[in-house]
Amino acid sequence: MSTVCVCGGCGRTIDNDFIYCPWCGQAKMKTDEKSAIDAVFKNLERKQAEDRVRRLASLGKKLDDLEQDLNILALSAEMAK
């Protein structure tokens, strides 16, 4: 079983024998455990933040659509009086 390390560029685990990361192409990989763990968690935090922004944007659009429907409904009720 070969050892693995974490790429400092993309945070993915790769075989320790690789000179270049097959995912991002970065030449130097971080091999000490603290740096490797930091790279993984930094990548995870970045992905979580991106997902959070994407979900908030989606919820904002849904809220805007609901508000528009409510305005149409209120206008229809007002015109029916």
Protein backbone atom coordinates (compact mmCIF):
# COMPACT_ATOMS: atom_id res chain seq x y z
CA MET A 1 0.00 0.00 0.00
CA SER A 2 1.47 3.32 -1.03
CA THR A 3 1.40 6.43 1.08
CA VAL A 4 -0.66 9.42 0.13
CA CYS A 5 -0.33 13.14 0.64
CA VAL A 6 -2.59 16.12 0.18
CA CYS A 7 -2.11 18.52 -2.71
CA GLY A 8 -1.49 22.08 -1.56
CA GLY A 9 -3.29 23.42 -4.62
CA CYS A 10 -6.61 21.59 -4.64
CA GLY A 11 -6.62 19.72 -1.32
CA ARG A 12 -7.22 16.28 -2.82
CA THR A 13 -5.35 13.22 -1.65
CA ILE A 14 -2.90 11.81 -4.17
CA ASP A 15 -0.31 9.07 -4.29
CA ASN A 16 2.94 10.19 -2.70
CA ASP A 17 4.90 9.01 -5.77
CA PHE A 18 3.34 11.65 -8.05
CA ILE A 19 5.50 14.65 -8.89
CA TYR A 20 2.52 16.64 -10.16
CA CYS A 21 -1.04 16.56 -8.89
CA PRO A 22 -3.19 14.74 -11.48
CA TRP A 23 -6.17 16.95 -10.55
CA CYS A 24 -4.75 20.49 -10.66
CA GLY A 25 -1.19 20.06 -11.95
CA GLN A 26 0.57 21.71 -9.02
CA ALA A 27 4.15 20.49 -8.75
CA LYS A 28 4.84 20.73 -5.03
CA MET A 29 2.68 18.86 -2.57
CA LYS A 30 2.54 19.42 1.16
CA THR A 31 3.63 16.27 2.94
CA ASP A 32 3.66 17.13 6.62
CA GLU A 33 0.46 16.20 8.43
CA LYS A 34 -0.45 19.62 9.84
CA SER A 35 -0.19 21.32 6.46
CA ALA A 36 -2.08 18.49 4.80
CA ILE A 37 -4.92 18.68 7.30
CA ASP A 38 -5.03 22.47 7.03
CA ALA A 39 -5.27 22.23 3.23
CA VAL A 40 -8.13 19.73 3.43
CA PHE A 41 -10.09 21.84 5.93
CA LYS A 42 -9.44 25.04 3.98
CA ASN A 43 -10.80 23.37 0.84
CA LEU A 44 -13.82 22.07 2.79
CA GLU A 45 -14.55 25.51 4.26
CA ARG A 46 -14.33 27.07 0.78
CA LYS A 47 -16.76 24.51 -0.64
CA GLN A 48 -19.16 25.02 2.28
CA ALA A 49 -19.07 28.80 1.78
CA GLU A 50 -19.74 28.41 -1.95
CA ASP A 51 -22.65 26.07 -1.22
CA ARG A 52 -24.02 28.48 1.38
CA VAL A 53 -23.94 31.36 -1.12
CA ARG A 54 -25.61 29.19 -3.78
CA ARG A 55 -28.38 28.09 -1.40
CA LEU A 56 -28.97 31.66 -0.20
CA ALA A 57 -29.27 32.86 -3.80
CA SER A 58 -31.76 30.09 -4.53
CA LEU A 59 -33.82 30.92 -1.44
CA GLY A 60 -33.73 34.62 -2.36
CA LYS A 61 -35.13 33.85 -5.82
CA LYS A 62 -37.88 31.69 -4.34
CA LEU A 63 -38.75 34.46 -1.88
CA ASP A 64 -38.91 37.01 -4.71
CA ASP A 65 -41.21 34.69 -6.69
CA LEU A 66 -43.49 34.22 -3.66
CA GLU A 67 -43.59 37.96 -3.06
CA GLN A 68 -44.57 38.56 -6.67
CA ASP A 69 -47.35 35.93 -6.42
CA LEU A 70 -48.59 37.55 -3.20
CA ASN A 71 -48.67 40.99 -4.85
CA ILE A 72 -50.69 39.58 -7.76
CA LEU A 73 -53.08 37.89 -5.35
CA ALA A 74 -53.50 41.07 -3.30
CA LEU A 75 -54.13 43.12 -6.46
CA SER A 76 -56.68 40.56 -7.67
CA ALA A 77 -58.48 40.68 -4.32
CA GLU A 78 -58.46 44.47 -4.39
CA MET A 79 -59.92 44.56 -7.91
CA ALA A 80 -62.65 42.05 -6.94
CA LYS A 81 -64.03 44.41 -4.27
